[in-house]
PDB file of all heavy atoms in Angstrom:
ATOM      1  N   TYR A   1      74.525  81.800  53.663  1.00  0.00           N
ATOM      2  CA  TYR A   1      73.168  82.148  54.089  1.00  0.00           C
ATOM      3  C   TYR A   1      72.226  82.123  52.888  1.00  0.00           C
ATOM      4  O   TYR A   1      72.510  82.694  51.835  1.00  0.00           O
ATOM      5  CB  TYR A   1      73.164  83.545  54.732  1.00  0.00           C
ATOM      6  CG  TYR A   1      71.787  84.154  54.838  1.00  0.00           C
ATOM      7  CD1 TYR A   1      70.836  83.598  55.690  1.00  0.00           C
ATOM      8  CD2 TYR A   1      71.435  85.269  54.069  1.00  0.00           C
ATOM      9  CE1 TYR A   1      69.573  84.147  55.785  1.00  0.00           C
ATOM     10  CE2 TYR A   1      70.173  85.825  54.164  1.00  0.00           C
ATOM     11  CZ  TYR A   1      69.243  85.260  55.011  1.00  0.00           C
ATOM     12  OH  TYR A   1      67.980  85.795  55.094  1.00  0.00           O
ATOM     13  N   ARG A   2      71.084  81.444  53.048  1.00  0.00           N
ATOM     14  CA  ARG A   2      70.107  81.355  51.963  1.00  0.00           C
ATOM     15  C   ARG A   2      68.811  82.097  52.260  1.00  0.00           C
ATOM     16  O   ARG A   2      68.142  82.580  51.368  1.00  0.00           O
ATOM     17  CB  ARG A   2      69.798  79.879  51.680  1.00  0.00           C
ATOM     18  CG  ARG A   2      70.948  79.127  51.045  1.00  0.00           C
ATOM     19  CD  ARG A   2      71.202  79.576  49.621  1.00  0.00           C
ATOM     20  NE  ARG A   2      70.051  79.304  48.776  1.00  0.00           N
ATOM     21  CZ  ARG A   2      69.815  78.137  48.162  1.00  0.00           C
ATOM     22  NH1 ARG A   2      70.664  77.129  48.324  1.00  0.00           N
ATOM     23  NH2 ARG A   2      68.760  77.973  47.406  1.00  0.00           N
ATOM     24  N   GLY A   3      68.413  82.182  53.532  1.00  0.00           N
ATOM     25  CA  GLY A   3      67.163  82.859  53.852  1.00  0.00           C
ATOM     26  C   GLY A   3      66.610  82.360  55.175  1.00  0.00           C
ATOM     27  O   GLY A   3      67.313  81.741  55.972  1.00  0.00           O
ATOM     28  N   ILE A   4      65.321  82.618  55.405  1.00  0.00           N
ATOM     29  CA  ILE A   4      64.667  82.152  56.627  1.00  0.00           C
ATOM     30  C   ILE A   4      63.358  81.459  56.267  1.00  0.00           C
ATOM     31  O   ILE A   4      62.832  81.613  55.160  1.00  0.00           O
ATOM     32  CB  ILE A   4      64.380  83.297  57.614  1.00  0.00           C
ATOM     33  CG1 ILE A   4      63.312  84.250  57.042  1.00  0.00           C
ATOM     34  CG2 ILE A   4      65.641  84.044  57.991  1.00  0.00           C
ATOM     35  CD1 ILE A   4      62.755  85.223  58.062  1.00  0.00           C
ATOM     36  N   VAL A   5      62.845  80.711  57.209  1.00  0.00           N
ATOM     37  CA  VAL A   5      61.477  80.189  57.149  1.00  0.00           C
ATOM     38  C   VAL A   5      60.836  80.558  58.477  1.00  0.00           C
ATOM     39  O   VAL A   5      61.364  80.216  59.539  1.00  0.00           O
ATOM     40  CB  VAL A   5      61.441  78.667  56.933  1.00  0.00           C
ATOM     41  CG1 VAL A   5      60.011  78.151  57.073  1.00  0.00           C
ATOM     42  CG2 VAL A   5      61.987  78.311  55.553  1.00  0.00           C
ATOM     43  N   SER A   6      59.727  81.290  58.431  1.00  0.00           N
ATOM     44  CA  SER A   6      59.085  81.763  59.649  1.00  0.00           C
ATOM     45  C   SER A   6      57.962  80.825  60.072  1.00  0.00           C
ATOM     46  O   SER A   6      57.457  80.031  59.278  1.00  0.00           O
ATOM     47  CB  SER A   6      58.527  83.170  59.447  1.00  0.00           C
ATOM     48  OG  SER A   6      57.439  83.141  58.541  1.00  0.00           O
ATOM     49  N   ARG A   7      57.582  80.942  61.317  1.00  0.00           N
ATOM     50  CA  ARG A   7      56.465  80.169  61.844  1.00  0.00           C
ATOM     51  C   ARG A   7      55.193  80.453  61.042  1.00  0.00           C
ATOM     52  O   ARG A   7      54.477  79.542  60.647  1.00  0.00           O
ATOM     53  CB  ARG A   7      56.244  80.524  63.314  1.00  0.00           C
ATOM     54  CG  ARG A   7      55.024  79.850  63.945  1.00  0.00           C
ATOM     55  CD  ARG A   7      54.744  80.421  65.324  1.00  0.00           C
ATOM     56  NE  ARG A   7      55.836  80.142  66.236  1.00  0.00           N
ATOM     57  CZ  ARG A   7      55.940  79.032  66.939  1.00  0.00           C
ATOM     58  NH1 ARG A   7      55.016  78.088  66.836  1.00  0.00           N
ATOM     59  NH2 ARG A   7      56.941  78.846  67.761  1.00  0.00           N
ATOM     60  N   ARG A   8      54.919  81.740  60.792  1.00  0.00           N
ATOM     61  CA  ARG A   8      53.704  82.093  60.068  1.00  0.00           C
ATOM     62  C   ARG A   8      53.744  81.584  58.631  1.00  0.00           C
ATOM     63  O   ARG A   8      52.758  81.121  58.089  1.00  0.00           O
ATOM     64  CB  ARG A   8      53.508  83.612  60.071  1.00  0.00           C
ATOM     65  CG  ARG A   8      52.146  84.036  59.547  1.00  0.00           C
ATOM     66  CD  ARG A   8      51.934  85.510  59.663  1.00  0.00           C
ATOM     67  NE  ARG A   8      52.649  86.257  58.648  1.00  0.00           N
ATOM     68  CZ  ARG A   8      52.597  87.576  58.519  1.00  0.00           C
ATOM     69  NH1 ARG A   8      51.885  88.287  59.382  1.00  0.00           N
ATOM     70  NH2 ARG A   8      53.258  88.192  57.572  1.00  0.00           N
ATOM     71  N   GLN A   9      54.911  81.682  58.008  1.00  0.00           N
ATOM     72  CA  GLN A   9      55.069  81.210  56.644  1.00  0.00           C
ATOM     73  C   GLN A   9      54.772  79.722  56.539  1.00  0.00           C
ATOM     74  O   GLN A   9      54.068  79.276  55.632  1.00  0.00           O
ATOM     75  CB  GLN A   9      56.504  81.494  56.186  1.00  0.00           C
ATOM     76  CG  GLN A   9      56.839  81.048  54.769  1.00  0.00           C
ATOM     77  CD  GLN A   9      58.318  81.225  54.484  1.00  0.00           C
ATOM     78  OE1 GLN A   9      59.039  81.863  55.255  1.00  0.00           O
ATOM     79  NE2 GLN A   9      58.786  80.656  53.394  1.00  0.00           N
ATOM     80  N   LEU A  10      55.289  78.953  57.484  1.00  0.00           N
ATOM     81  CA  LEU A  10      55.093  77.510  57.451  1.00  0.00           C
ATOM     82  C   LEU A  10      53.640  77.159  57.735  1.00  0.00           C
ATOM     83  O   LEU A  10      53.055  76.277  57.097  1.00  0.00           O
ATOM     84  CB  LEU A  10      56.005  76.845  58.478  1.00  0.00           C
ATOM     85  CG  LEU A  10      56.315  75.357  58.260  1.00  0.00           C
ATOM     86  CD1 LEU A  10      57.019  75.137  56.932  1.00  0.00           C
ATOM     87  CD2 LEU A  10      57.178  74.826  59.400  1.00  0.00           C
ATOM     88  N   ALA A  11      53.023  77.887  58.681  1.00  0.00           N
ATOM     89  CA  ALA A  11      51.639  77.605  59.038  1.00  0.00           C
ATOM     90  C   ALA A  11      50.665  78.034  57.952  1.00  0.00           C
ATOM     91  O   ALA A  11      49.568  77.484  57.835  1.00  0.00           O
ATOM     92  CB  ALA A  11      51.291  78.312  60.348  1.00  0.00           C
ATOM     93  N   SER A  12      51.071  79.001  57.127  1.00  0.00           N
ATOM     94  CA  SER A  12      50.160  79.552  56.127  1.00  0.00           C
ATOM     95  C   SER A  12      50.185  78.788  54.807  1.00  0.00           C
ATOM     96  O   SER A  12      49.387  79.066  53.916  1.00  0.00           O
ATOM     97  CB  SER A  12      50.502  81.023  55.847  1.00  0.00           C
ATOM     98  OG  SER A  12      50.352  81.798  57.006  1.00  0.00           O
ATOM     99  N   SER A  13      51.102  77.846  54.673  1.00  0.00           N
ATOM    100  CA  SER A  13      51.215  77.121  53.409  1.00  0.00           C
ATOM    101  C   SER A  13      50.919  75.642  53.619  1.00  0.00           C
ATOM    102  O   SER A  13      51.022  75.115  54.720  1.00  0.00           O
ATOM    103  CB  SER A  13      52.623  77.297  52.830  1.00  0.00           C
ATOM    104  OG  SER A  13      53.602  76.855  53.753  1.00  0.00           O
ATOM    105  N   SER A  14      50.527  75.001  52.538  1.00  0.00           N
ATOM    106  CA  SER A  14      50.242  73.565  52.574  1.00  0.00           C
ATOM    107  C   SER A  14      51.392  72.833  51.890  1.00  0.00           C
ATOM    108  O   SER A  14      51.586  72.963  50.683  1.00  0.00           O
ATOM    109  CB  SER A  14      48.921  73.259  51.858  1.00  0.00           C
ATOM    110  OG  SER A  14      47.861  73.945  52.480  1.00  0.00           O
ATOM    111  N   ASN A  15      52.170  72.102  52.652  1.00  0.00           N
ATOM    112  CA  ASN A  15      53.353  71.433  52.115  1.00  0.00           C
ATOM    113  C   ASN A  15      53.435  69.987  52.567  1.00  0.00           C
ATOM    114  O   ASN A  15      52.967  69.641  53.655  1.00  0.00           O
ATOM    115  CB  ASN A  15      54.626  72.160  52.577  1.00  0.00           C
ATOM    116  CG  ASN A  15      54.680  73.597  52.120  1.00  0.00           C
ATOM    117  OD1 ASN A  15      54.786  73.862  50.941  1.00  0.00           O
ATOM    118  ND2 ASN A  15      54.602  74.524  53.060  1.00  0.00           N
ATOM    119  N   GLN A  16      54.016  69.168  51.734  1.00  0.00           N
ATOM    120  CA  GLN A  16      54.294  67.793  52.102  1.00  0.00           C
ATOM    121  C   GLN A  16      55.462  67.766  53.086  1.00  0.00           C
ATOM    122  O   GLN A  16      56.481  68.419  52.857  1.00  0.00           O
ATOM    123  CB  GLN A  16      54.652  66.968  50.860  1.00  0.00           C
ATOM    124  CG  GLN A  16      53.517  66.822  49.859  1.00  0.00           C
ATOM    125  CD  GLN A  16      52.338  66.071  50.452  1.00  0.00           C
ATOM    126  OE1 GLN A  16      52.517  65.136  51.236  1.00  0.00           O
ATOM    127  NE2 GLN A  16      51.128  66.487  50.091  1.00  0.00           N
ATOM    128  N   PRO A  17      55.333  67.030  54.191  1.00  0.00           N
ATOM    129  CA  PRO A  17      56.414  66.991  55.186  1.00  0.00           C
ATOM    130  C   PRO A  17      57.744  66.530  54.608  1.00  0.00           C
ATOM    131  O   PRO A  17      58.798  66.876  55.129  1.00  0.00           O
ATOM    132  CB  PRO A  17      55.886  65.996  56.223  1.00  0.00           C
ATOM    133  CG  PRO A  17      54.396  66.041  56.075  1.00  0.00           C
ATOM    134  CD  PRO A  17      54.159  66.255  54.610  1.00  0.00           C
ATOM    135  N   SER A  18      57.694  65.744  53.522  1.00  0.00           N
ATOM    136  CA  SER A  18      58.934  65.226  52.935  1.00  0.00           C
ATOM    137  C   SER A  18      59.670  66.273  52.097  1.00  0.00           C
ATOM    138  O   SER A  18      60.826  66.078  51.735  1.00  0.00           O
ATOM    139  CB  SER A  18      58.624  64.005  52.066  1.00  0.00           C
ATOM    140  OG  SER A  18      57.706  64.345  51.042  1.00  0.00           O
ATOM    141  N   LYS A  19      59.004  67.387  51.790  1.00  0.00           N
ATOM    142  CA  LYS A  19      59.661  68.441  51.029  1.00  0.00           C
ATOM    143  C   LYS A  19      60.838  69.001  51.814  1.00  0.00           C
ATOM    144  O   LYS A  19      60.884  68.948  53.042  1.00  0.00           O
ATOM    145  CB  LYS A  19      58.677  69.578  50.707  1.00  0.00           C
ATOM    146  CG  LYS A  19      57.821  69.326  49.477  1.00  0.00           C
ATOM    147  CD  LYS A  19      57.095  70.613  49.079  1.00  0.00           C
ATOM    148  CE  LYS A  19      56.376  70.441  47.758  1.00  0.00           C
ATOM    149  NZ  LYS A  19      55.714  71.696  47.337  1.00  0.00           N
ATOM    150  N   LYS A  20      61.779  69.580  51.075  1.00  0.00           N
ATOM    151  CA  LYS A  20      62.958  70.139  51.716  1.00  0.00           C
ATOM    152  C   LYS A  20      62.715  71.606  52.072  1.00  0.00           C
ATOM    153  O   LYS A  20      61.984  72.321  51.381  1.00  0.00           O
ATOM    154  CB  LYS A  20      64.172  70.027  50.786  1.00  0.00           C
ATOM    155  CG  LYS A  20      64.422  68.619  50.262  1.00  0.00           C
ATOM    156  CD  LYS A  20      64.612  67.603  51.393  1.00  0.00           C
ATOM    157  CE  LYS A  20      64.901  66.207  50.846  1.00  0.00           C
ATOM    158  NZ  LYS A  20      64.966  65.188  51.923  1.00  0.00           N
ATOM    159  N   VAL A  21      63.348  72.040  53.148  1.00  0.00           N
ATOM    160  CA  VAL A  21      63.134  73.401  53.607  1.00  0.00           C
ATOM    161  C   VAL A  21      63.621  74.422  52.579  1.00  0.00           C
ATOM    162  O   VAL A  21      63.124  75.547  52.513  1.00  0.00           O
ATOM    163  CB  VAL A  21      63.820  73.622  54.970  1.00  0.00           C
ATOM    164  CG1 VAL A  21      65.340  73.582  54.838  1.00  0.00           C
ATOM    165  CG2 VAL A  21      63.383  74.942  55.583  1.00  0.00           C
ATOM    166  N   GLY A  22      64.566  74.004  51.741  1.00  0.00           N
ATOM    167  CA  GLY A  22      65.064  74.915  50.711  1.00  0.00           C
ATOM    168  C   GLY A  22      63.989  75.387  49.760  1.00  0.00           C
ATOM    169  O   GLY A  22      64.083  76.479  49.189  1.00  0.00           O
ATOM    170  N   SER A  23      62.922  74.590  49.606  1.00  0.00           N
ATOM    171  CA  SER A  23      61.837  74.964  48.697  1.00  0.00           C
ATOM    172  C   SER A  23      60.951  76.050  49.289  1.00  0.00           C
ATOM    173  O   SER A  23      60.139  76.650  48.584  1.00  0.00           O
ATOM    174  CB  SER A  23      60.985  73.735  48.359  1.00  0.00           C
ATOM    175  OG  SER A  23      60.299  73.259  49.514  1.00  0.00           O
ATOM    176  N   GLN A  24      61.078  76.305  50.595  1.00  0.00           N
ATOM    177  CA  GLN A  24      60.224  77.290  51.266  1.00  0.00           C
ATOM    178  C   GLN A  24      60.991  78.517  51.745  1.00  0.00           C
ATOM    179  O   GLN A  24      60.431  79.380  52.412  1.00  0.00           O
ATOM    180  CB  GLN A  24      59.544  76.639  52.475  1.00  0.00           C
ATOM    181  CG  GLN A  24      58.532  75.571  52.118  1.00  0.00           C
ATOM    182  CD  GLN A  24      57.392  76.156  51.291  1.00  0.00           C
ATOM    183  OE1 GLN A  24      56.747  77.100  51.696  1.00  0.00           O
ATOM    184  NE2 GLN A  24      57.166  75.579  50.115  1.00  0.00           N
ATOM    185  N   VAL A  25      62.249  78.607  51.369  1.00  0.00           N
ATOM    186  CA  VAL A  25      63.082  79.697  51.861  1.00  0.00           C
ATOM    187  C   VAL A  25      62.570  81.059  51.371  1.00  0.00           C
ATOM    188  O   VAL A  25      62.240  81.227  50.198  1.00  0.00           O
ATOM    189  CB  VAL A  25      64.544  79.510  51.413  1.00  0.00           C
ATOM    190  CG1 VAL A  25      65.328  80.806  51.557  1.00  0.00           C
ATOM    191  CG2 VAL A  25      65.213  78.435  52.244  1.00  0.00           C
ATOM    192  N   LYS A  26      62.495  81.983  52.291  1.00  0.00           N
ATOM    193  CA  LYS A  26      62.185  83.368  51.959  1.00  0.00           C
ATOM    194  C   LYS A  26      63.449  84.172  52.195  1.00  0.00           C
ATOM    195  O   LYS A  26      63.994  84.188  53.294  1.00  0.00           O
ATOM    196  CB  LYS A  26      61.055  83.901  52.846  1.00  0.00           C
ATOM    197  CG  LYS A  26      60.756  85.375  52.637  1.00  0.00           C
ATOM    198  CD  LYS A  26      59.648  85.835  53.570  1.00  0.00           C
ATOM    199  CE  LYS A  26      59.370  87.319  53.397  1.00  0.00           C
ATOM    200  NZ  LYS A  26      58.306  87.783  54.315  1.00  0.00           N
ATOM    201  N   HIS A  27      63.920  84.827  51.148  1.00  0.00           N
ATOM    202  CA  HIS A  27      65.152  85.603  51.311  1.00  0.00           C
ATOM    203  C   HIS A  27      64.816  86.943  51.951  1.00  0.00           C
ATOM    204  O   HIS A  27      64.049  87.730  51.415  1.00  0.00           O
ATOM    205  CB  HIS A  27      65.854  85.837  49.981  1.00  0.00           C
ATOM    206  CG  HIS A  27      67.161  86.555  50.154  1.00  0.00           C
ATOM    207  ND1 HIS A  27      68.302  85.914  50.567  1.00  0.00           N
ATOM    208  CD2 HIS A  27      67.490  87.863  50.015  1.00  0.00           C
ATOM    209  CE1 HIS A  27      69.285  86.785  50.659  1.00  0.00           C
ATOM    210  NE2 HIS A  27      68.819  87.982  50.340  1.00  0.00           N
ATOM    211  N   VAL A  28      65.368  87.167  53.127  1.00  0.00           N
ATOM    212  CA  VAL A  28      65.246  88.466  53.779  1.00  0.00           C
ATOM    213  C   VAL A  28      66.658  89.009  53.946  1.00  0.00           C
ATOM    214  O   VAL A  28      67.619  88.242  54.051  1.00  0.00           O
ATOM    215  CB  VAL A  28      64.534  88.364  55.142  1.00  0.00           C
ATOM    216  CG1 VAL A  28      63.133  87.788  54.982  1.00  0.00           C
ATOM    217  CG2 VAL A  28      65.340  87.524  56.128  1.00  0.00           C
ATOM    218  N   PRO A  29      66.797  90.317  53.940  1.00  0.00           N
ATOM    219  CA  PRO A  29      68.145  90.894  54.012  1.00  0.00           C
ATOM    220  C   PRO A  29      68.852  90.561  55.312  1.00  0.00           C
ATOM    221  O   PRO A  29      68.240  90.535  56.382  1.00  0.00           O
ATOM    222  CB  PRO A  29      67.893  92.399  53.881  1.00  0.00           C
ATOM    223  CG  PRO A  29      66.464  92.587  54.284  1.00  0.00           C
ATOM    224  CD  PRO A  29      65.756  91.347  53.849  1.00  0.00           C
ATOM    225  N   ALA A  30      70.134  90.284  55.211  1.00  0.00           N
ATOM    226  CA  ALA A  30      70.967  90.092  56.387  1.00  0.00           C
ATOM    227  C   ALA A  30      71.609  91.427  56.748  1.00  0.00           C
ATOM    228  O   ALA A  30      71.798  92.291  55.888  1.00  0.00           O
ATOM    229  CB  ALA A  30      72.040  89.039  56.115  1.00  0.00           C
ATOM    230  N   VAL A  31      71.925  91.615  58.015  1.00  0.00           N
ATOM    231  CA  VAL A  31      72.519  92.873  58.465  1.00  0.00           C
ATOM    232  C   VAL A  31      73.827  92.606  59.186  1.00  0.00           C
ATOM    233  O   VAL A  31      74.093  91.482  59.627  1.00  0.00           O
ATOM    234  CB  VAL A  31      71.544  93.638  59.400  1.00  0.00           C
ATOM    235  CG1 VAL A  31      70.284  94.016  58.648  1.00  0.00           C
ATOM    236  CG2 VAL A  31      71.190  92.810  60.638  1.00  0.00           C
ATOM    237  N   GLU A  32      74.618  93.639  59.311  1.00  0.00           N
ATOM    238  CA  GLU A  32      75.872  93.540  60.054  1.00  0.00           C
ATOM    239  C   GLU A  32      75.624  93.829  61.536  1.00  0.00           C
ATOM    240  O   GLU A  32      74.614  94.436  61.904  1.00  0.00           O
ATOM    241  CB  GLU A  32      76.902  94.529  59.495  1.00  0.00           C
ATOM    242  CG  GLU A  32      77.262  94.291  58.037  1.00  0.00           C
ATOM    243  CD  GLU A  32      78.014  92.990  57.821  1.00  0.00           C
ATOM    244  OE1 GLU A  32      78.743  92.572  58.753  1.00  0.00           O
ATOM    245  OE2 GLU A  32      77.881  92.401  56.740  1.00  0.00           O
ATOM    246  N   ARG A  33      76.547  93.417  62.370  1.00  0.00           N
ATOM    247  CA  ARG A  33      76.384  93.578  63.824  1.00  0.00           C
ATOM    248  C   ARG A  33      76.304  95.039  64.244  1.00  0.00           C
ATOM    249  O   ARG A  33      75.743  95.360  65.290  1.00  0.00           O
ATOM    250  CB  ARG A  33      77.544  92.900  64.547  1.00  0.00           C
ATOM    251  CG  ARG A  33      77.568  91.392  64.377  1.00  0.00           C
ATOM    252  CD  ARG A  33      78.880  90.789  64.851  1.00  0.00           C
ATOM    253  NE  ARG A  33      79.110  90.976  66.282  1.00  0.00           N
ATOM    254  CZ  ARG A  33      80.182  90.529  66.918  1.00  0.00           C
ATOM    255  NH1 ARG A  33      81.119  89.871  66.241  1.00  0.00           N
ATOM    256  NH2 ARG A  33      80.322  90.730  68.208  1.00  0.00           N
TER     257      ARG A  33
END
């Protein structure tokens, strides 16, 4: 697990479509079930 990319995060930033999603990853804590 590396992180998430949210709808708001993607809409709020200006990025080249060819960029990789790894460059926009936001690390949020993971939880147990």
